[in-house]
Amino acid sequence: QVQVVESGGGLVQPGGSLRLTCEASGFDFNSYAFSWYRQAPGKEREFVTTISSFNRVTAQADSVRGRFTISRDNAKRTVYLQMNSLKPEDTAVYYCKAVRSPYGYWGQGTTVTVST
């Protein structure tokens, strides 16, 4: 059974940090790339960043460059998104996606709220 489960969201003040976790099971974790997406209230889902199966960050949105870092731990079957210097506009539901063409598996999302 394929599972992709995000966690680590919450309420944080502007300028603060959070680390999101994406735990995956039911498929060959090491051979998949992983991406983070986010969807703000009333907006379409947008791409955030991707890490390849070879542990390289292959793409990142301009809006998060220099603030967000994606990483993976194959032994733990886990992908992380370290988010620093958070801004109110980072408020969104964050989704993890495992990708190996033609397959793609989404998680259910974790909510991040950046507010005073």
C-alpha atoms as a PDB file:
ATOM      1  CA  GLN A   1       0.000   0.000   0.000  1.00  0.00           C
ATOM      2  CA  VAL A   2       1.429   3.331  -1.100  1.00  0.00           C
ATOM      3  CA  GLN A   3       1.506   6.006   1.577  1.00  0.00           C
ATOM      4  CA  VAL A   4       2.868   9.538   1.536  1.00  0.00           C
ATOM      5  CA  VAL A   5       2.317  11.374   4.810  1.00  0.00           C
ATOM      6  CA  GLU A   6       3.277  14.963   5.590  1.00  0.00           C
ATOM      7  CA  SER A   7       3.669  16.389   9.078  1.00  0.00           C
ATOM      8  CA  GLY A   8       5.250  19.300  10.898  1.00  0.00           C
ATOM      9  CA  GLY A   9       2.922  22.110   9.946  1.00  0.00           C
ATOM     10  CA  GLY A  10       1.617  24.619  12.429  1.00  0.00           C
ATOM     11  CA  LEU A  11       1.387  28.251  13.413  1.00  0.00           C
ATOM     12  CA  VAL A  12       4.589  30.293  13.362  1.00  0.00           C
ATOM     13  CA  GLN A  13       5.372  33.989  13.595  1.00  0.00           C
ATOM     14  CA  PRO A  14       6.883  35.881  10.671  1.00  0.00           C
ATOM     15  CA  GLY A  15      10.631  35.345  10.588  1.00  0.00           C
ATOM     16  CA  GLY A  16      10.322  31.968  12.272  1.00  0.00           C
ATOM     17  CA  SER A  17      11.183  28.465  11.072  1.00  0.00           C
ATOM     18  CA  LEU A  18       9.470  25.142  10.591  1.00  0.00           C
ATOM     19  CA  ARG A  19      10.596  21.767   9.301  1.00  0.00           C
ATOM     20  CA  LEU A  20       8.103  19.693   7.373  1.00  0.00           C
ATOM     21  CA  THR A  21       8.462  15.939   7.096  1.00  0.00           C
ATOM     22  CA  CYS A  22       7.261  13.610   4.365  1.00  0.00           C
ATOM     23  CA  GLU A  23       7.306   9.907   5.164  1.00  0.00           C
ATOM     24  CA  ALA A  24       6.744   7.443   2.331  1.00  0.00           C
ATOM     25  CA  SER A  25       6.149   3.716   2.082  1.00  0.00           C
ATOM     26  CA  GLY A  26       4.850   1.088  -0.304  1.00  0.00           C
ATOM     27  CA  PHE A  27       7.191   1.826  -3.217  1.00  0.00           C
ATOM     28  CA  ASP A  28      10.900   1.965  -4.044  1.00  0.00           C
ATOM     29  CA  PHE A  29      11.706   5.193  -2.202  1.00  0.00           C
ATOM     30  CA  ASN A  30      15.301   5.471  -3.427  1.00  0.00           C
ATOM     31  CA  SER A  31      14.309   5.579  -7.099  1.00  0.00           C
ATOM     32  CA  TYR A  32      11.787   8.408  -6.758  1.00  0.00           C
ATOM     33  CA  ALA A  33      12.271  12.141  -6.907  1.00  0.00           C
ATOM     34  CA  PHE A  34      10.293  14.152  -4.386  1.00  0.00           C
ATOM     35  CA  SER A  35       8.708  17.547  -4.686  1.00  0.00           C
ATOM     36  CA  TRP A  36       6.992  19.940  -2.344  1.00  0.00           C
ATOM     37  CA  TYR A  37       4.030  21.975  -3.523  1.00  0.00           C
ATOM     38  CA  ARG A  38       1.797  24.388  -1.681  1.00  0.00           C
ATOM     39  CA  GLN A  39      -1.684  25.790  -2.035  1.00  0.00           C
ATOM     40  CA  ALA A  40      -2.642  29.046  -0.398  1.00  0.00           C
ATOM     41  CA  PRO A  41      -6.282  29.835   0.390  1.00  0.00           C
ATOM     42  CA  GLY A  42      -8.118  30.776  -2.795  1.00  0.00           C
ATOM     43  CA  LYS A  43      -5.127  30.069  -5.025  1.00  0.00           C
ATOM     44  CA  GLU A  44      -3.932  27.267  -7.251  1.00  0.00           C
ATOM     45  CA  ARG A  45      -1.401  24.731  -6.095  1.00  0.00           C
ATOM     46  CA  GLU A  46       2.136  25.870  -6.890  1.00  0.00           C
ATOM     47  CA  PHE A  47       5.510  24.201  -7.106  1.00  0.00           C
ATOM     48  CA  VAL A  48       8.032  24.824  -4.317  1.00  0.00           C
ATOM     49  CA  THR A  49      11.087  22.623  -4.798  1.00  0.00           C
ATOM     50  CA  THR A  50      12.318  19.207  -5.995  1.00  0.00           C
ATOM     51  CA  ILE A  51      15.048  16.789  -4.978  1.00  0.00           C
ATOM     52  CA  SER A  52      16.113  14.045  -7.348  1.00  0.00           C
ATOM     53  CA  SER A  53      16.619  10.373  -6.592  1.00  0.00           C
ATOM     54  CA  PHE A  54      20.342  11.186  -6.715  1.00  0.00           C
ATOM     55  CA  ASN A  55      19.932  13.649  -3.823  1.00  0.00           C
ATOM     56  CA  ARG A  56      20.302  16.757  -5.956  1.00  0.00           C
ATOM     57  CA  VAL A  57      18.042  19.783  -5.636  1.00  0.00           C
ATOM     58  CA  THR A  58      16.989  20.148  -9.228  1.00  0.00           C
ATOM     59  CA  ALA A  59      14.484  22.991  -9.043  1.00  0.00           C
ATOM     60  CA  GLN A  60      13.244  25.642  -6.660  1.00  0.00           C
ATOM     61  CA  ALA A  61      10.687  28.413  -6.887  1.00  0.00           C
ATOM     62  CA  ASP A  62      12.079  31.962  -6.843  1.00  0.00           C
ATOM     63  CA  SER A  63       9.787  32.850  -3.964  1.00  0.00           C
ATOM     64  CA  VAL A  64      11.526  30.416  -1.590  1.00  0.00           C
ATOM     65  CA  ARG A  65      15.097  30.408  -2.877  1.00  0.00           C
ATOM     66  CA  GLY A  66      17.547  31.077  -0.075  1.00  0.00           C
ATOM     67  CA  ARG A  67      14.924  30.405   2.608  1.00  0.00           C
ATOM     68  CA  PHE A  68      13.692  26.836   2.036  1.00  0.00           C
ATOM     69  CA  THR A  69      15.837  23.715   1.805  1.00  0.00           C
ATOM     70  CA  ILE A  70      14.733  20.269   0.695  1.00  0.00           C
ATOM     71  CA  SER A  71      16.616  17.164   1.757  1.00  0.00           C
ATOM     72  CA  ARG A  72      16.094  13.423   1.937  1.00  0.00           C
ATOM     73  CA  ASP A  73      17.141  10.518   4.117  1.00  0.00           C
ATOM     74  CA  ASN A  74      16.778   7.322   2.133  1.00  0.00           C
ATOM     75  CA  ALA A  75      17.459   5.109   5.148  1.00  0.00           C
ATOM     76  CA  LYS A  76      14.462   6.660   6.909  1.00  0.00           C
ATOM     77  CA  ARG A  77      12.357   6.915   3.748  1.00  0.00           C
ATOM     78  CA  THR A  78      11.797  10.548   4.630  1.00  0.00           C
ATOM     79  CA  VAL A  79      11.987  13.892   2.844  1.00  0.00           C
ATOM     80  CA  TYR A  80      12.281  17.188   4.690  1.00  0.00           C
ATOM     81  CA  LEU A  81      11.505  20.803   3.921  1.00  0.00           C
ATOM     82  CA  GLN A  82      13.347  23.210   6.178  1.00  0.00           C
ATOM     83  CA  MET A  83      11.642  26.587   6.020  1.00  0.00           C
ATOM     84  CA  ASN A  84      13.395  29.652   7.435  1.00  0.00           C
ATOM     85  CA  SER A  85      12.574  33.349   7.462  1.00  0.00           C
ATOM     86  CA  LEU A  86       8.917  32.556   6.998  1.00  0.00           C
ATOM     87  CA  LYS A  87       6.590  35.216   5.647  1.00  0.00           C
ATOM     88  CA  PRO A  88       2.811  35.575   5.860  1.00  0.00           C
ATOM     89  CA  GLU A  89       2.642  34.780   2.135  1.00  0.00           C
ATOM     90  CA  ASP A  90       4.103  31.335   2.882  1.00  0.00           C
ATOM     91  CA  THR A  91       0.806  30.438   4.550  1.00  0.00           C
ATOM     92  CA  ALA A  92      -0.565  27.410   2.691  1.00  0.00           C
ATOM     93  CA  VAL A  93      -1.228  23.714   2.770  1.00  0.00           C
ATOM     94  CA  TYR A  94       2.039  22.014   1.866  1.00  0.00           C
ATOM     95  CA  TYR A  95       1.991  18.798  -0.135  1.00  0.00           C
ATOM     96  CA  CYS A  96       4.663  16.204  -0.781  1.00  0.00           C
ATOM     97  CA  LYS A  97       4.729  14.320  -4.082  1.00  0.00           C
ATOM     98  CA  ALA A  98       6.770  11.258  -4.997  1.00  0.00           C
ATOM     99  CA  VAL A  99       7.532  11.109  -8.716  1.00  0.00           C
ATOM    100  CA  ARG A 100       8.949   8.525 -11.051  1.00  0.00           C
ATOM    101  CA  SER A 101       7.424   8.728 -14.464  1.00  0.00           C
ATOM    102  CA  PRO A 102       4.701   7.700 -15.091  1.00  0.00           C
ATOM    103  CA  TYR A 103       3.893   7.396 -11.403  1.00  0.00           C
ATOM    104  CA  GLY A 104       3.144  10.155  -8.944  1.00  0.00           C
ATOM    105  CA  TYR A 105       1.918   9.854  -5.385  1.00  0.00           C
ATOM    106  CA  TRP A 106       0.551  12.762  -3.353  1.00  0.00           C
ATOM    107  CA  GLY A 107       0.194  13.143   0.369  1.00  0.00           C
ATOM    108  CA  GLN A 108      -2.787  14.743   2.085  1.00  0.00           C
ATOM    109  CA  GLY A 109      -0.936  17.895   3.062  1.00  0.00           C
ATOM    110  CA  THR A 110       0.051  19.731   6.214  1.00  0.00           C
ATOM    111  CA  THR A 111      -1.026  23.279   7.012  1.00  0.00           C
ATOM    112  CA  VAL A 112       1.450  26.076   7.649  1.00  0.00           C
ATOM    113  CA  THR A 113       0.192  29.394   8.978  1.00  0.00           C
ATOM    114  CA  VAL A 114       2.552  32.345   9.290  1.00  0.00           C
ATOM    115  CA  SER A 115       0.956  35.037  11.398  1.00  0.00           C
ATOM    116  CA  THR A 116       1.338  37.193  14.461  1.00  0.00           C
END
